[in-house]
Amino acid sequence: MKFKDYYQTLGIDKDATQEEIKRAYRKLARRYHPDVSKDTDAEERFKELGEAYEVLKDPEKRAAYDQLGANWQAGQDF
């Protein structure tokens, strides 16, 4: 599995505030929404943005991601 840098996906710094995360997500989501964008990879990019936002908007998930990186979800199913 390839590591996804959620901060890079949203184009923000690791020390971004919750407001900056929200603003970056909304801006990019509007640009890459499949109903708006004609890009062939818009739907995939939109899904990546949603995944990144789901993790970074939640302080607990964000802390786990920051600490564990790509394996932040490992062991959650146990």
C-alpha atoms as a PDB file:
ATOM      1  CA  MET A   1       0.000   0.000   0.000  1.00  0.00           C
ATOM      2  CA  LYS A   2       1.381   3.375  -1.018  1.00  0.00           C
ATOM      3  CA  PHE A   3       1.706   6.011   1.704  1.00  0.00           C
ATOM      4  CA  LYS A   4      -0.681   8.912   1.233  1.00  0.00           C
ATOM      5  CA  ASP A   5       0.419  12.224   2.673  1.00  0.00           C
ATOM      6  CA  TYR A   6      -2.919  13.749   3.606  1.00  0.00           C
ATOM      7  CA  TYR A   7      -1.341  17.136   4.260  1.00  0.00           C
ATOM      8  CA  GLN A   8       0.111  17.174   0.754  1.00  0.00           C
ATOM      9  CA  THR A   9      -3.219  15.982  -0.683  1.00  0.00           C
ATOM     10  CA  LEU A  10      -4.920  19.061   0.774  1.00  0.00           C
ATOM     11  CA  GLY A  11      -1.941  21.341   0.091  1.00  0.00           C
ATOM     12  CA  ILE A  12      -1.501  22.398   3.724  1.00  0.00           C
ATOM     13  CA  ASP A  13       1.265  22.377   6.347  1.00  0.00           C
ATOM     14  CA  LYS A  14       1.399  19.846   9.170  1.00  0.00           C
ATOM     15  CA  ASP A  15       0.705  22.620  11.680  1.00  0.00           C
ATOM     16  CA  ALA A  16      -2.449  23.802   9.882  1.00  0.00           C
ATOM     17  CA  THR A  17      -5.415  24.785  12.030  1.00  0.00           C
ATOM     18  CA  GLN A  18      -8.810  23.108  11.766  1.00  0.00           C
ATOM     19  CA  GLU A  19     -10.096  26.172   9.919  1.00  0.00           C
ATOM     20  CA  GLU A  20      -7.253  25.988   7.380  1.00  0.00           C
ATOM     21  CA  ILE A  21      -7.950  22.285   6.835  1.00  0.00           C
ATOM     22  CA  LYS A  22     -11.639  22.976   6.260  1.00  0.00           C
ATOM     23  CA  ARG A  23     -10.933  25.873   3.899  1.00  0.00           C
ATOM     24  CA  ALA A  24      -8.428  23.852   1.838  1.00  0.00           C
ATOM     25  CA  TYR A  25     -10.800  20.889   1.606  1.00  0.00           C
ATOM     26  CA  ARG A  26     -13.754  22.988   0.476  1.00  0.00           C
ATOM     27  CA  LYS A  27     -11.706  24.810  -2.147  1.00  0.00           C
ATOM     28  CA  LEU A  28     -10.319  21.595  -3.637  1.00  0.00           C
ATOM     29  CA  ALA A  29     -13.607  19.696  -3.324  1.00  0.00           C
ATOM     30  CA  ARG A  30     -15.342  22.340  -5.430  1.00  0.00           C
ATOM     31  CA  ARG A  31     -12.599  22.146  -8.039  1.00  0.00           C
ATOM     32  CA  TYR A  32     -12.516  18.337  -8.298  1.00  0.00           C
ATOM     33  CA  HIS A  33     -16.172  17.460  -7.740  1.00  0.00           C
ATOM     34  CA  PRO A  34     -17.125  14.975 -10.501  1.00  0.00           C
ATOM     35  CA  ASP A  35     -20.221  16.982 -11.435  1.00  0.00           C
ATOM     36  CA  VAL A  36     -18.160  20.136 -11.967  1.00  0.00           C
ATOM     37  CA  SER A  37     -14.758  19.027 -13.223  1.00  0.00           C
ATOM     38  CA  LYS A  38     -14.229  17.577 -16.675  1.00  0.00           C
ATOM     39  CA  ASP A  39     -10.878  16.009 -15.713  1.00  0.00           C
ATOM     40  CA  THR A  40     -10.758  12.264 -16.212  1.00  0.00           C
ATOM     41  CA  ASP A  41      -9.254  11.700 -12.771  1.00  0.00           C
ATOM     42  CA  ALA A  42     -11.512  14.171 -10.940  1.00  0.00           C
ATOM     43  CA  GLU A  43     -13.591  11.495  -9.201  1.00  0.00           C
ATOM     44  CA  GLU A  44     -10.498   9.698  -7.871  1.00  0.00           C
ATOM     45  CA  ARG A  45      -8.975  12.992  -6.707  1.00  0.00           C
ATOM     46  CA  PHE A  46     -12.267  13.943  -5.039  1.00  0.00           C
ATOM     47  CA  LYS A  47     -12.268  10.637  -3.117  1.00  0.00           C
ATOM     48  CA  GLU A  48      -8.668  11.200  -1.999  1.00  0.00           C
ATOM     49  CA  LEU A  49      -9.597  14.668  -0.748  1.00  0.00           C
ATOM     50  CA  GLY A  50     -12.511  13.230   1.224  1.00  0.00           C
ATOM     51  CA  GLU A  51     -10.314  10.563   2.793  1.00  0.00           C
ATOM     52  CA  ALA A  52      -7.688  13.135   3.784  1.00  0.00           C
ATOM     53  CA  TYR A  53     -10.308  15.471   5.232  1.00  0.00           C
ATOM     54  CA  GLU A  54     -11.991  12.689   7.234  1.00  0.00           C
ATOM     55  CA  VAL A  55      -8.702  11.975   8.990  1.00  0.00           C
ATOM     56  CA  LEU A  56      -7.397  15.501   9.471  1.00  0.00           C
ATOM     57  CA  LYS A  57     -10.650  17.091  10.666  1.00  0.00           C
ATOM     58  CA  ASP A  58     -10.865  14.708  13.647  1.00  0.00           C
ATOM     59  CA  PRO A  59      -8.248  15.593  16.310  1.00  0.00           C
ATOM     60  CA  GLU A  60      -7.940  11.966  17.500  1.00  0.00           C
ATOM     61  CA  LYS A  61      -7.527  10.532  14.002  1.00  0.00           C
ATOM     62  CA  ARG A  62      -5.132  13.336  13.108  1.00  0.00           C
ATOM     63  CA  ALA A  63      -2.971  12.639  16.156  1.00  0.00           C
ATOM     64  CA  ALA A  64      -2.867   8.931  15.296  1.00  0.00           C
ATOM     65  CA  TYR A  65      -1.988   9.733  11.683  1.00  0.00           C
ATOM     66  CA  ASP A  66       0.757  12.148  12.755  1.00  0.00           C
ATOM     67  CA  GLN A  67       2.212   9.571  15.124  1.00  0.00           C
ATOM     68  CA  LEU A  68       1.918   6.430  13.000  1.00  0.00           C
ATOM     69  CA  GLY A  69       1.947   7.768   9.448  1.00  0.00           C
ATOM     70  CA  ALA A  70       0.686   5.353   6.799  1.00  0.00           C
ATOM     71  CA  ASN A  71      -0.113   2.657   9.376  1.00  0.00           C
ATOM     72  CA  TRP A  72      -2.351   4.889  11.484  1.00  0.00           C
ATOM     73  CA  GLN A  73      -5.339   2.537  11.070  1.00  0.00           C
ATOM     74  CA  ALA A  74      -3.424  -0.675  11.801  1.00  0.00           C
ATOM     75  CA  GLY A  75      -5.014  -2.667  14.584  1.00  0.00           C
ATOM     76  CA  GLN A  76      -8.298  -0.772  14.710  1.00  0.00           C
ATOM     77  CA  ASP A  77     -10.260  -3.838  13.636  1.00  0.00           C
ATOM     78  CA  PHE A  78      -9.264  -5.900  16.660  1.00  0.00           C
END
